[in-house]
C-alpha atoms as a PDB file:
ATOM      1  CA  UNK A   1      23.582 -39.897 -38.867  1.00  0.00           C
ATOM      2  CA  UNK A   2      24.095 -38.033 -42.123  1.00  0.00           C
ATOM      3  CA  UNK A   3      23.365 -39.785 -45.391  1.00  0.00           C
ATOM      4  CA  UNK A   4      23.754 -37.915 -48.666  1.00  0.00           C
ATOM      5  CA  UNK A   5      21.431 -40.318 -50.430  1.00  0.00           C
ATOM      6  CA  UNK A   6      18.540 -39.596 -48.061  1.00  0.00           C
ATOM      7  CA  UNK A   7      16.060 -36.882 -48.904  1.00  0.00           C
ATOM      8  CA  UNK A   8      12.419 -36.284 -48.096  1.00  0.00           C
ATOM      9  CA  UNK A   9      10.241 -34.352 -50.529  1.00  0.00           C
ATOM     10  CA  UNK A  10       6.847 -33.584 -49.105  1.00  0.00           C
ATOM     11  CA  UNK A  11       3.784 -33.477 -51.314  1.00  0.00           C
ATOM     12  CA  UNK A  12       1.463 -30.994 -49.638  1.00  0.00           C
ATOM     13  CA  UNK A  13      -2.060 -30.073 -50.618  1.00  0.00           C
ATOM     14  CA  UNK A  14      -2.194 -27.354 -53.228  1.00  0.00           C
ATOM     15  CA  UNK A  15      -4.644 -25.530 -55.436  1.00  0.00           C
ATOM     16  CA  UNK A  16      -5.328 -26.798 -58.940  1.00  0.00           C
ATOM     17  CA  UNK A  17      -3.887 -23.566 -60.318  1.00  0.00           C
ATOM     18  CA  UNK A  18      -0.583 -24.429 -58.593  1.00  0.00           C
ATOM     19  CA  UNK A  19      -0.334 -27.948 -60.046  1.00  0.00           C
ATOM     20  CA  UNK A  20       2.125 -27.100 -62.838  1.00  0.00           C
ATOM     21  CA  UNK A  21       4.440 -25.163 -60.530  1.00  0.00           C
ATOM     22  CA  UNK A  22       4.361 -27.961 -57.949  1.00  0.00           C
ATOM     23  CA  UNK A  23       5.184 -30.564 -60.593  1.00  0.00           C
ATOM     24  CA  UNK A  24       8.149 -28.507 -61.819  1.00  0.00           C
ATOM     25  CA  UNK A  25       9.334 -28.158 -58.234  1.00  0.00           C
ATOM     26  CA  UNK A  26       9.068 -31.915 -57.727  1.00  0.00           C
ATOM     27  CA  UNK A  27      11.035 -32.584 -60.918  1.00  0.00           C
ATOM     28  CA  UNK A  28      13.740 -30.145 -59.826  1.00  0.00           C
ATOM     29  CA  UNK A  29      14.058 -31.768 -56.384  1.00  0.00           C
ATOM     30  CA  UNK A  30      14.245 -35.323 -57.744  1.00  0.00           C
ATOM     31  CA  UNK A  31      16.620 -34.547 -60.612  1.00  0.00           C
ATOM     32  CA  UNK A  32      18.920 -32.498 -58.375  1.00  0.00           C
ATOM     33  CA  UNK A  33      19.017 -35.255 -55.781  1.00  0.00           C
ATOM     34  CA  UNK A  34      19.760 -38.042 -58.262  1.00  0.00           C
ATOM     35  CA  UNK A  35      22.427 -35.861 -59.892  1.00  0.00           C
ATOM     36  CA  UNK A  36      24.248 -35.305 -56.600  1.00  0.00           C
ATOM     37  CA  UNK A  37      23.589 -38.796 -55.177  1.00  0.00           C
ATOM     38  CA  UNK A  38      23.421 -41.398 -57.967  1.00  0.00           C
ATOM     39  CA  UNK A  39      23.257 -44.216 -55.389  1.00  0.00           C
ATOM     40  CA  UNK A  40      20.244 -42.707 -53.661  1.00  0.00           C
ATOM     41  CA  UNK A  41      17.361 -44.567 -52.073  1.00  0.00           C
ATOM     42  CA  UNK A  42      14.251 -42.909 -53.458  1.00  0.00           C
ATOM     43  CA  UNK A  43      10.836 -43.739 -52.012  1.00  0.00           C
ATOM     44  CA  UNK A  44       7.608 -42.761 -53.745  1.00  0.00           C
ATOM     45  CA  UNK A  45       4.731 -43.213 -51.323  1.00  0.00           C
ATOM     46  CA  UNK A  46       1.222 -44.077 -52.538  1.00  0.00           C
ATOM     47  CA  UNK A  47       2.280 -44.017 -56.170  1.00  0.00           C
ATOM     48  CA  UNK A  48      -1.166 -45.210 -57.207  1.00  0.00           C
ATOM     49  CA  UNK A  49      -2.516 -41.769 -56.221  1.00  0.00           C
ATOM     50  CA  UNK A  50      -0.233 -39.851 -58.588  1.00  0.00           C
ATOM     51  CA  UNK A  51      -2.143 -37.836 -61.124  1.00  0.00           C
ATOM     52  CA  UNK A  52      -1.462 -38.281 -64.835  1.00  0.00           C
ATOM     53  CA  UNK A  53       1.092 -35.459 -65.015  1.00  0.00           C
ATOM     54  CA  UNK A  54       3.121 -36.769 -62.054  1.00  0.00           C
ATOM     55  CA  UNK A  55       3.005 -40.323 -63.355  1.00  0.00           C
ATOM     56  CA  UNK A  56       4.150 -39.106 -66.749  1.00  0.00           C
ATOM     57  CA  UNK A  57       7.088 -37.406 -65.066  1.00  0.00           C
ATOM     58  CA  UNK A  58       8.142 -40.622 -63.332  1.00  0.00           C
ATOM     59  CA  UNK A  59       7.729 -42.634 -66.512  1.00  0.00           C
ATOM     60  CA  UNK A  60       9.983 -40.252 -68.435  1.00  0.00           C
ATOM     61  CA  UNK A  61      12.624 -40.116 -65.694  1.00  0.00           C
ATOM     62  CA  UNK A  62      12.772 -43.904 -65.477  1.00  0.00           C
ATOM     63  CA  UNK A  63      12.681 -44.517 -69.218  1.00  0.00           C
ATOM     64  CA  UNK A  64      15.000 -41.683 -70.289  1.00  0.00           C
ATOM     65  CA  UNK A  65      17.134 -40.496 -67.358  1.00  0.00           C
ATOM     66  CA  UNK A  66      19.794 -39.287 -69.783  1.00  0.00           C
ATOM     67  CA  UNK A  67      17.465 -36.539 -70.975  1.00  0.00           C
ATOM     68  CA  UNK A  68      17.577 -35.059 -67.479  1.00  0.00           C
ATOM     69  CA  UNK A  69      21.361 -35.528 -67.254  1.00  0.00           C
ATOM     70  CA  UNK A  70      21.043 -38.178 -64.563  1.00  0.00           C
ATOM     71  CA  UNK A  71      21.504 -41.913 -64.179  1.00  0.00           C
ATOM     72  CA  UNK A  72      19.187 -44.088 -62.110  1.00  0.00           C
ATOM     73  CA  UNK A  73      21.017 -47.382 -62.686  1.00  0.00           C
ATOM     74  CA  UNK A  74      22.693 -47.247 -59.271  1.00  0.00           C
ATOM     75  CA  UNK A  75      19.695 -45.872 -57.398  1.00  0.00           C
ATOM     76  CA  UNK A  76      17.111 -47.943 -55.543  1.00  0.00           C
ATOM     77  CA  UNK A  77      13.602 -46.669 -56.218  1.00  0.00           C
ATOM     78  CA  UNK A  78      10.762 -47.986 -54.053  1.00  0.00           C
ATOM     79  CA  UNK A  79       7.190 -47.286 -55.096  1.00  0.00           C
ATOM     80  CA  UNK A  80       4.921 -47.909 -52.120  1.00  0.00           C
ATOM     81  CA  UNK A  81       1.172 -48.391 -52.236  1.00  0.00           C
ATOM     82  CA  UNK A  82      -1.720 -50.081 -50.451  1.00  0.00           C
ATOM     83  CA  UNK A  83      -3.031 -51.131 -53.849  1.00  0.00           C
ATOM     84  CA  UNK A  84      -3.681 -54.868 -53.913  1.00  0.00           C
ATOM     85  CA  UNK A  85      -3.919 -55.194 -50.134  1.00  0.00           C
ATOM     86  CA  UNK A  86      -7.361 -56.794 -50.256  1.00  0.00           C
ATOM     87  CA  UNK A  87      -6.284 -59.222 -52.978  1.00  0.00           C
ATOM     88  CA  UNK A  88      -3.196 -60.238 -50.994  1.00  0.00           C
ATOM     89  CA  UNK A  89      -5.306 -60.858 -47.891  1.00  0.00           C
ATOM     90  CA  UNK A  90      -7.638 -63.058 -49.933  1.00  0.00           C
ATOM     91  CA  UNK A  91      -4.658 -64.983 -51.341  1.00  0.00           C
ATOM     92  CA  UNK A  92      -3.225 -65.459 -47.850  1.00  0.00           C
ATOM     93  CA  UNK A  93      -6.582 -66.671 -46.532  1.00  0.00           C
ATOM     94  CA  UNK A  94      -6.894 -69.090 -49.431  1.00  0.00           C
ATOM     95  CA  UNK A  95      -3.402 -70.548 -48.905  1.00  0.00           C
ATOM     96  CA  UNK A  96      -3.768 -70.617 -45.109  1.00  0.00           C
ATOM     97  CA  UNK A  97      -0.156 -69.738 -44.349  1.00  0.00           C
ATOM     98  CA  UNK A  98       2.264 -67.192 -45.777  1.00  0.00           C
ATOM     99  CA  UNK A  99       4.950 -69.872 -46.184  1.00  0.00           C
ATOM    100  CA  UNK A 100       2.713 -71.483 -48.801  1.00  0.00           C
ATOM    101  CA  UNK A 101       2.403 -68.298 -50.850  1.00  0.00           C
ATOM    102  CA  UNK A 102       4.884 -68.249 -53.717  1.00  0.00           C
ATOM    103  CA  UNK A 103       6.496 -64.898 -54.470  1.00  0.00           C
ATOM    104  CA  UNK A 104       5.841 -65.399 -58.186  1.00  0.00           C
ATOM    105  CA  UNK A 105       2.100 -65.845 -57.551  1.00  0.00           C
ATOM    106  CA  UNK A 106       1.877 -62.789 -55.316  1.00  0.00           C
ATOM    107  CA  UNK A 107       3.901 -60.726 -57.775  1.00  0.00           C
ATOM    108  CA  UNK A 108       1.704 -61.762 -60.698  1.00  0.00           C
ATOM    109  CA  UNK A 109      -1.370 -60.808 -58.680  1.00  0.00           C
ATOM    110  CA  UNK A 110       0.016 -57.352 -57.855  1.00  0.00           C
ATOM    111  CA  UNK A 111       1.116 -56.714 -61.423  1.00  0.00           C
ATOM    112  CA  UNK A 112      -2.398 -57.436 -62.609  1.00  0.00           C
ATOM    113  CA  UNK A 113      -3.995 -55.153 -60.010  1.00  0.00           C
ATOM    114  CA  UNK A 114      -1.621 -52.268 -60.743  1.00  0.00           C
ATOM    115  CA  UNK A 115      -1.963 -52.652 -64.499  1.00  0.00           C
ATOM    116  CA  UNK A 116      -5.764 -52.622 -64.276  1.00  0.00           C
ATOM    117  CA  UNK A 117      -5.712 -49.505 -62.080  1.00  0.00           C
ATOM    118  CA  UNK A 118      -3.311 -47.668 -64.368  1.00  0.00           C
ATOM    119  CA  UNK A 119      -5.322 -48.564 -67.471  1.00  0.00           C
ATOM    120  CA  UNK A 120      -8.530 -47.372 -65.789  1.00  0.00           C
ATOM    121  CA  UNK A 121      -6.986 -43.933 -65.211  1.00  0.00           C
ATOM    122  CA  UNK A 122      -6.331 -43.588 -68.978  1.00  0.00           C
ATOM    123  CA  UNK A 123      -3.235 -41.452 -68.457  1.00  0.00           C
ATOM    124  CA  UNK A 124      -1.283 -42.881 -71.376  1.00  0.00           C
ATOM    125  CA  UNK A 125      -1.511 -45.232 -74.319  1.00  0.00           C
ATOM    126  CA  UNK A 126      -1.729 -48.971 -73.729  1.00  0.00           C
ATOM    127  CA  UNK A 127       1.841 -49.469 -74.954  1.00  0.00           C
ATOM    128  CA  UNK A 128       3.175 -46.822 -72.568  1.00  0.00           C
ATOM    129  CA  UNK A 129       1.473 -48.503 -69.621  1.00  0.00           C
ATOM    130  CA  UNK A 130       3.058 -51.828 -70.589  1.00  0.00           C
ATOM    131  CA  UNK A 131       6.456 -50.156 -70.895  1.00  0.00           C
ATOM    132  CA  UNK A 132       6.109 -48.501 -67.498  1.00  0.00           C
ATOM    133  CA  UNK A 133       5.157 -51.836 -65.924  1.00  0.00           C
ATOM    134  CA  UNK A 134       8.179 -53.525 -67.495  1.00  0.00           C
ATOM    135  CA  UNK A 135      10.511 -51.018 -65.823  1.00  0.00           C
ATOM    136  CA  UNK A 136       9.439 -52.255 -62.380  1.00  0.00           C
ATOM    137  CA  UNK A 137      11.806 -55.089 -61.482  1.00  0.00           C
ATOM    138  CA  UNK A 138       9.941 -56.604 -58.530  1.00  0.00           C
ATOM    139  CA  UNK A 139       6.474 -56.289 -57.042  1.00  0.00           C
ATOM    140  CA  UNK A 140       7.147 -57.067 -53.395  1.00  0.00           C
ATOM    141  CA  UNK A 141       4.095 -58.163 -51.361  1.00  0.00           C
ATOM    142  CA  UNK A 142       3.755 -57.156 -47.723  1.00  0.00           C
ATOM    143  CA  UNK A 143       1.484 -59.380 -45.686  1.00  0.00           C
ATOM    144  CA  UNK A 144      -0.051 -58.470 -42.317  1.00  0.00           C
ATOM    145  CA  UNK A 145       2.278 -58.831 -39.346  1.00  0.00           C
ATOM    146  CA  UNK A 146       1.892 -61.922 -37.197  1.00  0.00           C
ATOM    147  CA  UNK A 147       2.664 -62.575 -33.555  1.00  0.00           C
ATOM    148  CA  UNK A 148       6.313 -63.505 -34.059  1.00  0.00           C
ATOM    149  CA  UNK A 149       6.928 -60.318 -36.032  1.00  0.00           C
ATOM    150  CA  UNK A 150       5.336 -58.112 -33.390  1.00  0.00           C
ATOM    151  CA  UNK A 151       7.379 -59.855 -30.698  1.00  0.00           C
ATOM    152  CA  UNK A 152      10.592 -59.042 -32.546  1.00  0.00           C
ATOM    153  CA  UNK A 153       9.558 -55.418 -33.154  1.00  0.00           C
ATOM    154  CA  UNK A 154       8.575 -54.828 -29.532  1.00  0.00           C
ATOM    155  CA  UNK A 155      11.818 -56.376 -28.299  1.00  0.00           C
ATOM    156  CA  UNK A 156      13.742 -54.015 -30.576  1.00  0.00           C
ATOM    157  CA  UNK A 157      11.742 -51.029 -29.322  1.00  0.00           C
ATOM    158  CA  UNK A 158      12.397 -51.953 -25.691  1.00  0.00           C
ATOM    159  CA  UNK A 159      16.115 -52.370 -26.337  1.00  0.00           C
ATOM    160  CA  UNK A 160      16.241 -49.001 -28.121  1.00  0.00           C
ATOM    161  CA  UNK A 161      14.511 -47.326 -25.178  1.00  0.00           C
ATOM    162  CA  UNK A 162      16.891 -49.006 -22.746  1.00  0.00           C
ATOM    163  CA  UNK A 163      19.855 -47.738 -24.751  1.00  0.00           C
ATOM    164  CA  UNK A 164      18.483 -44.196 -24.742  1.00  0.00           C
ATOM    165  CA  UNK A 165      18.111 -44.300 -20.962  1.00  0.00           C
ATOM    166  CA  UNK A 166      21.693 -45.514 -20.578  1.00  0.00           C
ATOM    167  CA  UNK A 167      22.974 -42.630 -22.712  1.00  0.00           C
ATOM    168  CA  UNK A 168      21.092 -39.761 -21.078  1.00  0.00           C
ATOM    169  CA  UNK A 169      22.853 -36.464 -21.629  1.00  0.00           C
ATOM    170  CA  UNK A 170      22.318 -35.284 -18.078  1.00  0.00           C
ATOM    171  CA  UNK A 171      24.670 -37.988 -16.876  1.00  0.00           C
ATOM    172  CA  UNK A 172      21.989 -39.821 -14.926  1.00  0.00           C
ATOM    173  CA  UNK A 173      22.071 -43.342 -16.263  1.00  0.00           C
ATOM    174  CA  UNK A 174      19.056 -45.579 -15.821  1.00  0.00           C
ATOM    175  CA  UNK A 175      19.092 -49.320 -16.370  1.00  0.00           C
ATOM    176  CA  UNK A 176      15.917 -50.774 -17.810  1.00  0.00           C
ATOM    177  CA  UNK A 177      15.275 -54.499 -17.538  1.00  0.00           C
ATOM    178  CA  UNK A 178      12.166 -56.545 -18.243  1.00  0.00           C
ATOM    179  CA  UNK A 179      11.060 -60.154 -18.310  1.00  0.00           C
ATOM    180  CA  UNK A 180       9.461 -61.977 -21.274  1.00  0.00           C
ATOM    181  CA  UNK A 181       5.970 -61.389 -19.851  1.00  0.00           C
ATOM    182  CA  UNK A 182       6.323 -57.664 -20.588  1.00  0.00           C
ATOM    183  CA  UNK A 183       6.792 -58.391 -24.285  1.00  0.00           C
ATOM    184  CA  UNK A 184       3.949 -60.930 -24.136  1.00  0.00           C
ATOM    185  CA  UNK A 185       1.652 -58.325 -22.572  1.00  0.00           C
ATOM    186  CA  UNK A 186       2.497 -55.627 -25.144  1.00  0.00           C
ATOM    187  CA  UNK A 187       2.044 -58.000 -28.070  1.00  0.00           C
ATOM    188  CA  UNK A 188      -1.371 -58.848 -26.650  1.00  0.00           C
ATOM    189  CA  UNK A 189      -2.414 -55.231 -27.160  1.00  0.00           C
ATOM    190  CA  UNK A 190      -1.982 -55.552 -30.929  1.00  0.00           C
ATOM    191  CA  UNK A 191      -4.804 -56.814 -33.164  1.00  0.00           C
ATOM    192  CA  UNK A 192      -3.391 -59.729 -35.149  1.00  0.00           C
ATOM    193  CA  UNK A 193      -5.579 -60.543 -38.126  1.00  0.00           C
ATOM    194  CA  UNK A 194      -3.984 -63.785 -39.221  1.00  0.00           C
ATOM    195  CA  UNK A 195      -2.945 -65.250 -35.892  1.00  0.00           C
ATOM    196  CA  UNK A 196      -4.879 -67.882 -33.959  1.00  0.00           C
ATOM    197  CA  UNK A 197      -2.998 -66.838 -30.826  1.00  0.00           C
ATOM    198  CA  UNK A 198      -5.257 -65.348 -28.160  1.00  0.00           C
ATOM    199  CA  UNK A 199      -3.514 -63.110 -25.613  1.00  0.00           C
ATOM    200  CA  UNK A 200      -3.877 -63.969 -21.954  1.00  0.00           C
ATOM    201  CA  UNK A 201      -5.402 -60.766 -20.596  1.00  0.00           C
ATOM    202  CA  UNK A 202      -5.107 -62.080 -17.043  1.00  0.00           C
ATOM    203  CA  UNK A 203      -1.339 -62.605 -17.177  1.00  0.00           C
ATOM    204  CA  UNK A 204       0.713 -60.324 -14.980  1.00  0.00           C
ATOM    205  CA  UNK A 205       3.605 -58.206 -16.217  1.00  0.00           C
ATOM    206  CA  UNK A 206       6.336 -56.445 -14.362  1.00  0.00           C
ATOM    207  CA  UNK A 207       9.168 -54.135 -15.310  1.00  0.00           C
ATOM    208  CA  UNK A 208      12.129 -53.288 -13.139  1.00  0.00           C
ATOM    209  CA  UNK A 209      13.843 -49.909 -13.320  1.00  0.00           C
END
């Protein structure tokens, strides 16, 4: 599948003396991509680890895209981070169930954690940090997966594998079938932090090819 809005820019390790050149290269890649694909999906992984120069670049691009001859109004920008993971786990433990956790409460918690981390790095003035925070529309919490989620994911993976076997290029088609115990067995191999379910290690599983 070809998608014009999809692009991966790798941030590799580099020497300190190469930092400026790498930052310019990053700016060129991002600006060029947003110019050619204004409806792009742009993912910034581990944004909390950006140094001051890189964070300044993102702040300027988000605040003043017109200066780079681009528009980001139609783009979806995801900034991913593990920051706040411990705090979210504590909130989930306190509430007892994720259905009891209000999005507004989780979002307020994450905003506070991110703001404190950004202020501690002292990359910009207090007002600039506030402005950068205000440009983030939603702080979306991701809680640990539970049994029902793993069951759904494993079922999807099994169906994908079955489809691949049916579409083998060598013409030899293989039909893969399995019973619910197979999924149950595979889910039991996953460590589930917030689930009281204990897998039955003695249960048998079979798979028919």
